[in-house]
Amino acid sequence: RASALAAMALALGACDAGRDPLGPSTGTEAPDAARGGNG
């Protein structure tokens, strides 16, 4: 039960603050849905 709960905690909740694993987002075009239009 302990290992199952540990796996769930890792998968379901975000971890501590850290850098974007793909690198800085500066200069990267935002996803289509994030560029606006109809809220």
PDB file of all heavy atoms in Angstrom:
ATOM      1  N   ARG A   1       0.829  -1.199   0.000  1.00  0.00           N
ATOM      2  CA  ARG A   1       0.000   0.000   0.000  1.00  0.00           C
ATOM      3  C   ARG A   1       0.865   1.250   0.000  1.00  0.00           C
ATOM      4  O   ARG A   1       0.564   2.214  -0.685  1.00  0.00           O
ATOM      5  CB  ARG A   1      -0.894  -0.027   1.240  1.00  0.00           C
ATOM      6  CG  ARG A   1      -1.792   1.185   1.365  1.00  0.00           C
ATOM      7  CD  ARG A   1      -2.781   0.941   2.464  1.00  0.00           C
ATOM      8  NE  ARG A   1      -3.566   2.134   2.725  1.00  0.00           N
ATOM      9  CZ  ARG A   1      -4.608   2.146   3.522  1.00  0.00           C
ATOM     10  NH1 ARG A   1      -5.013   1.054   4.107  1.00  0.00           N
ATOM     11  NH2 ARG A   1      -5.282   3.265   3.731  1.00  0.00           N
ATOM     12  N   ALA A   2       1.973   1.215   0.717  1.00  0.00           N
ATOM     13  CA  ALA A   2       2.835   2.397   0.787  1.00  0.00           C
ATOM     14  C   ALA A   2       3.420   2.733  -0.572  1.00  0.00           C
ATOM     15  O   ALA A   2       3.441   3.886  -0.985  1.00  0.00           O
ATOM     16  CB  ALA A   2       3.962   2.164   1.794  1.00  0.00           C
ATOM     17  N   SER A   3       3.889   1.712  -1.312  1.00  0.00           N
ATOM     18  CA  SER A   3       4.478   1.999  -2.630  1.00  0.00           C
ATOM     19  C   SER A   3       3.417   2.463  -3.605  1.00  0.00           C
ATOM     20  O   SER A   3       3.680   3.311  -4.461  1.00  0.00           O
ATOM     21  CB  SER A   3       5.186   0.750  -3.173  1.00  0.00           C
ATOM     22  OG  SER A   3       4.268  -0.301  -3.368  1.00  0.00           O
ATOM     23  N   ALA A   4       2.209   1.921  -3.506  1.00  0.00           N
ATOM     24  CA  ALA A   4       1.130   2.360  -4.395  1.00  0.00           C
ATOM     25  C   ALA A   4       0.789   3.810  -4.138  1.00  0.00           C
ATOM     26  O   ALA A   4       0.603   4.593  -5.070  1.00  0.00           O
ATOM     27  CB  ALA A   4      -0.103   1.484  -4.191  1.00  0.00           C
ATOM     28  N   LEU A   5       0.719   4.188  -2.857  1.00  0.00           N
ATOM     29  CA  LEU A   5       0.390   5.567  -2.526  1.00  0.00           C
ATOM     30  C   LEU A   5       1.504   6.516  -2.954  1.00  0.00           C
ATOM     31  O   LEU A   5       1.236   7.628  -3.410  1.00  0.00           O
ATOM     32  CB  LEU A   5       0.143   5.705  -1.025  1.00  0.00           C
ATOM     33  CG  LEU A   5      -1.082   4.973  -0.488  1.00  0.00           C
ATOM     34  CD1 LEU A   5      -1.223   5.232   1.003  1.00  0.00           C
ATOM     35  CD2 LEU A   5      -2.334   5.408  -1.211  1.00  0.00           C
ATOM     36  N   ALA A   6       2.741   6.076  -2.815  1.00  0.00           N
ATOM     37  CA  ALA A   6       3.851   6.922  -3.238  1.00  0.00           C
ATOM     38  C   ALA A   6       3.799   7.168  -4.734  1.00  0.00           C
ATOM     39  O   ALA A   6       4.046   8.283  -5.208  1.00  0.00           O
ATOM     40  CB  ALA A   6       5.181   6.258  -2.863  1.00  0.00           C
ATOM     41  N   ALA A   7       3.470   6.121  -5.512  1.00  0.00           N
ATOM     42  CA  ALA A   7       3.360   6.287  -6.958  1.00  0.00           C
ATOM     43  C   ALA A   7       2.243   7.233  -7.319  1.00  0.00           C
ATOM     44  O   ALA A   7       2.368   8.069  -8.210  1.00  0.00           O
ATOM     45  CB  ALA A   7       3.135   4.929  -7.627  1.00  0.00           C
ATOM     46  N   MET A   8       1.113   7.117  -6.624  1.00  0.00           N
ATOM     47  CA  MET A   8      -0.011   8.009  -6.882  1.00  0.00           C
ATOM     48  C   MET A   8       0.351   9.454  -6.568  1.00  0.00           C
ATOM     49  O   MET A   8       0.004  10.377  -7.300  1.00  0.00           O
ATOM     50  CB  MET A   8      -1.223   7.601  -6.051  1.00  0.00           C
ATOM     51  CG  MET A   8      -1.893   6.344  -6.544  1.00  0.00           C
ATOM     52  SD  MET A   8      -2.539   6.585  -8.210  1.00  0.00           S
ATOM     53  CE  MET A   8      -3.123   4.941  -8.537  1.00  0.00           C
ATOM     54  N   ALA A   9       1.045   9.653  -5.438  1.00  0.00           N
ATOM     55  CA  ALA A   9       1.411  11.018  -5.053  1.00  0.00           C
ATOM     56  C   ALA A   9       2.309  11.651  -6.099  1.00  0.00           C
ATOM     57  O   ALA A   9       2.168  12.835  -6.421  1.00  0.00           O
ATOM     58  CB  ALA A   9       2.101  11.007  -3.691  1.00  0.00           C
ATOM     59  N   LEU A  10       3.240  10.876  -6.661  1.00  0.00           N
ATOM     60  CA  LEU A  10       4.139  11.417  -7.670  1.00  0.00           C
ATOM     61  C   LEU A  10       3.385  11.750  -8.944  1.00  0.00           C
ATOM     62  O   LEU A  10       3.604  12.789  -9.570  1.00  0.00           O
ATOM     63  CB  LEU A  10       5.248  10.407  -7.975  1.00  0.00           C
ATOM     64  CG  LEU A  10       6.226  10.792  -9.088  1.00  0.00           C
ATOM     65  CD1 LEU A  10       6.953  12.063  -8.727  1.00  0.00           C
ATOM     66  CD2 LEU A  10       7.187   9.664  -9.360  1.00  0.00           C
ATOM     67  N   ALA A  11       2.456  10.887  -9.345  1.00  0.00           N
ATOM     68  CA  ALA A  11       1.772  11.076 -10.618  1.00  0.00           C
ATOM     69  C   ALA A  11       0.697  12.148 -10.558  1.00  0.00           C
ATOM     70  O   ALA A  11       0.498  12.890 -11.510  1.00  0.00           O
ATOM     71  CB  ALA A  11       1.138   9.759 -11.065  1.00  0.00           C
ATOM     72  N   LEU A  12      -0.025  12.236  -9.441  1.00  0.00           N
ATOM     73  CA  LEU A  12      -1.190  13.116  -9.367  1.00  0.00           C
ATOM     74  C   LEU A  12      -0.869  14.531  -8.940  1.00  0.00           C
ATOM     75  O   LEU A  12      -1.546  15.470  -9.346  1.00  0.00           O
ATOM     76  CB  LEU A  12      -2.214  12.537  -8.396  1.00  0.00           C
ATOM     77  CG  LEU A  12      -3.020  11.358  -8.910  1.00  0.00           C
ATOM     78  CD1 LEU A  12      -3.868  10.800  -7.783  1.00  0.00           C
ATOM     79  CD2 LEU A  12      -3.875  11.769 -10.070  1.00  0.00           C
ATOM     80  N   GLY A  13       0.118  14.718  -8.086  1.00  0.00           N
ATOM     81  CA  GLY A  13       0.426  16.057  -7.583  1.00  0.00           C
ATOM     82  C   GLY A  13       1.715  16.565  -8.173  1.00  0.00           C
ATOM     83  O   GLY A  13       2.628  15.802  -8.469  1.00  0.00           O
ATOM     84  N   ALA A  14       1.797  17.856  -8.368  1.00  0.00           N
ATOM     85  CA  ALA A  14       3.027  18.439  -8.890  1.00  0.00           C
ATOM     86  C   ALA A  14       4.121  18.371  -7.844  1.00  0.00           C
ATOM     87  O   ALA A  14       3.869  18.388  -6.652  1.00  0.00           O
ATOM     88  CB  ALA A  14       2.786  19.889  -9.292  1.00  0.00           C
ATOM     89  N   CYS A  15       5.350  18.312  -8.311  1.00  0.00           N
ATOM     90  CA  CYS A  15       6.491  18.254  -7.401  1.00  0.00           C
ATOM     91  C   CYS A  15       6.897  19.659  -6.994  1.00  0.00           C
ATOM     92  O   CYS A  15       6.291  20.638  -7.367  1.00  0.00           O
ATOM     93  CB  CYS A  15       7.654  17.540  -8.081  1.00  0.00           C
ATOM     94  SG  CYS A  15       7.255  15.842  -8.572  1.00  0.00           S
ATOM     95  N   ASP A  16       7.982  19.755  -6.233  1.00  0.00           N
ATOM     96  CA  ASP A  16       8.478  21.051  -5.792  1.00  0.00           C
ATOM     97  C   ASP A  16       8.868  21.913  -6.983  1.00  0.00           C
ATOM     98  O   ASP A  16       9.099  21.430  -8.087  1.00  0.00           O
ATOM     99  CB  ASP A  16       9.704  20.878  -4.882  1.00  0.00           C
ATOM    100  CG  ASP A  16       9.308  20.349  -3.526  1.00  0.00           C
ATOM    101  OD1 ASP A  16       8.227  20.700  -3.054  1.00  0.00           O
ATOM    102  OD2 ASP A  16      10.098  19.576  -2.959  1.00  0.00           O
ATOM    103  N   ALA A  17       8.997  23.218  -6.712  1.00  0.00           N
ATOM    104  CA  ALA A  17       9.325  24.169  -7.773  1.00  0.00           C
ATOM    105  C   ALA A  17      10.641  23.791  -8.431  1.00  0.00           C
ATOM    106  O   ALA A  17      11.577  23.327  -7.806  1.00  0.00           O
ATOM    107  CB  ALA A  17       9.415  25.575  -7.203  1.00  0.00           C
ATOM    108  N   GLY A  18      10.717  24.008  -9.735  1.00  0.00           N
ATOM    109  CA  GLY A  18      11.926  23.701 -10.473  1.00  0.00           C
ATOM    110  C   GLY A  18      11.827  24.272 -11.856  1.00  0.00           C
ATOM    111  O   GLY A  18      10.811  24.818 -12.259  1.00  0.00           O
ATOM    112  N   ARG A  19      12.879  24.131 -12.636  1.00  0.00           N
ATOM    113  CA  ARG A  19      12.889  24.676 -13.979  1.00  0.00           C
ATOM    114  C   ARG A  19      12.036  23.840 -14.909  1.00  0.00           C
ATOM    115  O   ARG A  19      11.851  22.653 -14.719  1.00  0.00           O
ATOM    116  CB  ARG A  19      14.325  24.722 -14.499  1.00  0.00           C
ATOM    117  CG  ARG A  19      15.201  25.725 -13.764  1.00  0.00           C
ATOM    118  CD  ARG A  19      16.566  25.793 -14.415  1.00  0.00           C
ATOM    119  NE  ARG A  19      17.407  26.791 -13.787  1.00  0.00           N
ATOM    120  CZ  ARG A  19      18.642  27.052 -14.197  1.00  0.00           C
ATOM    121  NH1 ARG A  19      19.164  26.391 -15.210  1.00  0.00           N
ATOM    122  NH2 ARG A  19      19.360  27.978 -13.578  1.00  0.00           N
ATOM    123  N   ASP A  20      11.566  24.485 -15.950  1.00  0.00           N
ATOM    124  CA  ASP A  20      10.858  23.791 -17.017  1.00  0.00           C
ATOM    125  C   ASP A  20      11.798  22.741 -17.594  1.00  0.00           C
ATOM    126  O   ASP A  20      12.891  23.057 -18.051  1.00  0.00           O
ATOM    127  CB  ASP A  20      10.455  24.814 -18.088  1.00  0.00           C
ATOM    128  CG  ASP A  20       9.869  24.180 -19.325  1.00  0.00           C
ATOM    129  OD1 ASP A  20       9.639  22.962 -19.318  1.00  0.00           O
ATOM    130  OD2 ASP A  20       9.646  24.928 -20.294  1.00  0.00           O
ATOM    131  N   PRO A  21      11.418  21.437 -17.597  1.00  0.00           N
ATOM    132  CA  PRO A  21      12.342  20.395 -18.056  1.00  0.00           C
ATOM    133  C   PRO A  21      12.685  20.508 -19.534  1.00  0.00           C
ATOM    134  O   PRO A  21      13.661  19.919 -19.979  1.00  0.00           O
ATOM    135  CB  PRO A  21      11.575  19.097 -17.772  1.00  0.00           C
ATOM    136  CG  PRO A  21      10.150  19.508 -17.669  1.00  0.00           C
ATOM    137  CD  PRO A  21      10.168  20.887 -17.094  1.00  0.00           C
ATOM    138  N   LEU A  22      11.908  21.257 -20.313  1.00  0.00           N
ATOM    139  CA  LEU A  22      12.250  21.453 -21.718  1.00  0.00           C
ATOM    140  C   LEU A  22      13.036  22.728 -21.952  1.00  0.00           C
ATOM    141  O   LEU A  22      13.343  23.070 -23.081  1.00  0.00           O
ATOM    142  CB  LEU A  22      10.972  21.475 -22.567  1.00  0.00           C
ATOM    143  CG  LEU A  22      10.263  20.140 -22.716  1.00  0.00           C
ATOM    144  CD1 LEU A  22       9.078  20.287 -23.662  1.00  0.00           C
ATOM    145  CD2 LEU A  22      11.195  19.056 -23.222  1.00  0.00           C
ATOM    146  N   GLY A  23      13.335  23.458 -20.876  1.00  0.00           N
ATOM    147  CA  GLY A  23      14.104  24.678 -21.014  1.00  0.00           C
ATOM    148  C   GLY A  23      13.238  25.914 -20.906  1.00  0.00           C
ATOM    149  O   GLY A  23      12.026  25.844 -20.756  1.00  0.00           O
ATOM    150  N   PRO A  24      13.849  27.093 -20.976  1.00  0.00           N
ATOM    151  CA  PRO A  24      13.113  28.349 -20.836  1.00  0.00           C
ATOM    152  C   PRO A  24      12.040  28.495 -21.905  1.00  0.00           C
ATOM    153  O   PRO A  24      12.221  28.052 -23.038  1.00  0.00           O
ATOM    154  CB  PRO A  24      14.203  29.417 -20.991  1.00  0.00           C
ATOM    155  CG  PRO A  24      15.484  28.708 -20.714  1.00  0.00           C
ATOM    156  CD  PRO A  24      15.283  27.301 -21.185  1.00  0.00           C
ATOM    157  N   SER A  25      10.924  29.127 -21.520  1.00  0.00           N
ATOM    158  CA  SER A  25       9.843  29.323 -22.480  1.00  0.00           C
ATOM    159  C   SER A  25       9.945  30.661 -23.199  1.00  0.00           C
ATOM    160  O   SER A  25       9.151  30.944 -24.084  1.00  0.00           O
ATOM    161  CB  SER A  25       8.490  29.251 -21.756  1.00  0.00           C
ATOM    162  OG  SER A  25       8.435  30.218 -20.725  1.00  0.00           O
ATOM    163  N   THR A  26      10.920  31.487 -22.826  1.00  0.00           N
ATOM    164  CA  THR A  26      11.088  32.791 -23.468  1.00  0.00           C
ATOM    165  C   THR A  26      11.330  32.616 -24.961  1.00  0.00           C
ATOM    166  O   THR A  26      12.174  31.832 -25.381  1.00  0.00           O
ATOM    167  CB  THR A  26      12.287  33.537 -22.852  1.00  0.00           C
ATOM    168  OG1 THR A  26      12.074  33.661 -21.462  1.00  0.00           O
ATOM    169  CG2 THR A  26      12.440  34.905 -23.487  1.00  0.00           C
ATOM    170  N   GLY A  27      10.525  33.340 -25.751  1.00  0.00           N
ATOM    171  CA  GLY A  27      10.676  33.269 -27.196  1.00  0.00           C
ATOM    172  C   GLY A  27       9.926  32.116 -27.816  1.00  0.00           C
ATOM    173  O   GLY A  27       9.934  31.958 -29.033  1.00  0.00           O
ATOM    174  N   THR A  28       9.276  31.282 -27.003  1.00  0.00           N
ATOM    175  CA  THR A  28       8.508  30.163 -27.525  1.00  0.00           C
ATOM    176  C   THR A  28       7.077  30.595 -27.749  1.00  0.00           C
ATOM    177  O   THR A  28       6.454  31.186 -26.881  1.00  0.00           O
ATOM    178  CB  THR A  28       8.536  28.984 -26.535  1.00  0.00           C
ATOM    179  OG1 THR A  28       9.889  28.602 -26.343  1.00  0.00           O
ATOM    180  CG2 THR A  28       7.754  27.798 -27.075  1.00  0.00           C
ATOM    181  N   GLU A  29       6.529  30.288 -28.904  1.00  0.00           N
ATOM    182  CA  GLU A  29       5.157  30.656 -29.207  1.00  0.00           C
ATOM    183  C   GLU A  29       4.213  29.903 -28.295  1.00  0.00           C
ATOM    184  O   GLU A  29       4.362  28.698 -28.084  1.00  0.00           O
ATOM    185  CB  GLU A  29       4.837  30.326 -30.668  1.00  0.00           C
ATOM    186  CG  GLU A  29       3.459  30.794 -31.094  1.00  0.00           C
ATOM    187  CD  GLU A  29       3.180  30.470 -32.542  1.00  0.00           C
ATOM    188  OE1 GLU A  29       3.827  29.564 -33.077  1.00  0.00           O
ATOM    189  OE2 GLU A  29       2.313  31.123 -33.125  1.00  0.00           O
ATOM    190  N   ALA A  30       3.232  30.617 -27.737  1.00  0.00           N
ATOM    191  CA  ALA A  30       2.277  29.979 -26.841  1.00  0.00           C
ATOM    192  C   ALA A  30       1.393  29.023 -27.617  1.00  0.00           C
ATOM    193  O   ALA A  30       1.190  29.169 -28.808  1.00  0.00           O
ATOM    194  CB  ALA A  30       1.416  31.040 -26.160  1.00  0.00           C
ATOM    195  N   PRO A  31       0.850  27.987 -26.934  1.00  0.00           N
ATOM    196  CA  PRO A  31      -0.074  27.080 -27.596  1.00  0.00           C
ATOM    197  C   PRO A  31      -1.251  27.849 -28.182  1.00  0.00           C
ATOM    198  O   PRO A  31      -1.625  28.921 -27.702  1.00  0.00           O
ATOM    199  CB  PRO A  31      -0.512  26.153 -26.461  1.00  0.00           C
ATOM    200  CG  PRO A  31       0.568  26.234 -25.448  1.00  0.00           C
ATOM    201  CD  PRO A  31       1.095  27.637 -25.548  1.00  0.00           C
ATOM    202  N   ASP A  32      -1.892  27.283 -29.219  1.00  0.00           N
ATOM    203  CA  ASP A  32      -3.010  27.943 -29.886  1.00  0.00           C
ATOM    204  C   ASP A  32      -4.068  28.391 -28.897  1.00  0.00           C
ATOM    205  O   ASP A  32      -4.572  29.505 -28.964  1.00  0.00           O
ATOM    206  CB  ASP A  32      -3.649  26.995 -30.904  1.00  0.00           C
ATOM    207  CG  ASP A  32      -2.693  26.661 -32.029  1.00  0.00           C
ATOM    208  OD1 ASP A  32      -1.721  27.411 -32.216  1.00  0.00           O
ATOM    209  OD2 ASP A  32      -2.920  25.643 -32.707  1.00  0.00           O
ATOM    210  N   ALA A  33      -4.457  27.496 -27.964  1.00  0.00           N
ATOM    211  CA  ALA A  33      -5.516  27.820 -27.026  1.00  0.00           C
ATOM    212  C   ALA A  33      -5.112  28.932 -26.084  1.00  0.00           C
ATOM    213  O   ALA A  33      -5.954  29.600 -25.509  1.00  0.00           O
ATOM    214  CB  ALA A  33      -5.900  26.579 -26.229  1.00  0.00           C
ATOM    215  N   ALA A  34      -3.804  29.124 -25.902  1.00  0.00           N
ATOM    216  CA  ALA A  34      -3.338  30.113 -24.940  1.00  0.00           C
ATOM    217  C   ALA A  34      -3.129  31.488 -25.564  1.00  0.00           C
ATOM    218  O   ALA A  34      -2.810  32.434 -24.868  1.00  0.00           O
ATOM    219  CB  ALA A  34      -2.026  29.644 -24.321  1.00  0.00           C
ATOM    220  N   ARG A  35      -3.316  31.603 -26.875  1.00  0.00           N
ATOM    221  CA  ARG A  35      -3.065  32.877 -27.522  1.00  0.00           C
ATOM    222  C   ARG A  35      -4.267  33.800 -27.495  1.00  0.00           C
ATOM    223  O   ARG A  35      -4.239  34.879 -28.057  1.00  0.00           O
ATOM    224  CB  ARG A  35      -2.622  32.635 -28.968  1.00  0.00           C
ATOM    225  CG  ARG A  35      -1.227  32.042 -29.060  1.00  0.00           C
ATOM    226  CD  ARG A  35      -0.618  32.338 -30.428  1.00  0.00           C
ATOM    227  NE  ARG A  35      -1.346  31.681 -31.499  1.00  0.00           N
ATOM    228  CZ  ARG A  35      -0.997  30.521 -32.009  1.00  0.00           C
ATOM    229  NH1 ARG A  35       0.017  29.860 -31.512  1.00  0.00           N
ATOM    230  NH2 ARG A  35      -1.674  30.000 -33.013  1.00  0.00           N
ATOM    231  N   GLY A  36      -5.332  33.335 -26.857  1.00  0.00           N
ATOM    232  CA  GLY A  36      -6.464  34.234 -26.692  1.00  0.00           C
ATOM    233  C   GLY A  36      -7.594  33.873 -27.626  1.00  0.00           C
ATOM    234  O   GLY A  36      -7.634  32.832 -28.257  1.00  0.00           O
ATOM    235  N   GLY A  37      -8.586  34.779 -27.673  1.00  0.00           N
ATOM    236  CA  GLY A  37      -9.765  34.527 -28.473  1.00  0.00           C
ATOM    237  C   GLY A  37     -10.795  33.810 -27.649  1.00  0.00           C
ATOM    238  O   GLY A  37     -10.579  32.692 -27.218  1.00  0.00           O
ATOM    239  N   ASN A  38     -11.912  34.437 -27.403  1.00  0.00           N
ATOM    240  CA  ASN A  38     -13.004  33.821 -26.663  1.00  0.00           C
ATOM    241  C   ASN A  38     -12.567  33.340 -25.296  1.00  0.00           C
ATOM    242  O   ASN A  38     -12.920  32.252 -24.845  1.00  0.00           O
ATOM    243  CB  ASN A  38     -13.608  32.661 -27.468  1.00  0.00           C
ATOM    244  CG  ASN A  38     -14.984  32.272 -26.955  1.00  0.00           C
ATOM    245  OD1 ASN A  38     -15.653  33.073 -26.297  1.00  0.00           O
ATOM    246  ND2 ASN A  38     -15.409  31.057 -27.240  1.00  0.00           N
ATOM    247  N   GLY A  39     -11.742  34.155 -24.629  1.00  0.00           N
ATOM    248  CA  GLY A  39     -11.337  33.835 -23.261  1.00  0.00           C
ATOM    249  C   GLY A  39     -10.482  32.608 -23.138  1.00  0.00           C
ATOM    250  O   GLY A  39     -10.439  31.957 -22.108  1.00  0.00           O
TER     251      GLY A  39
END
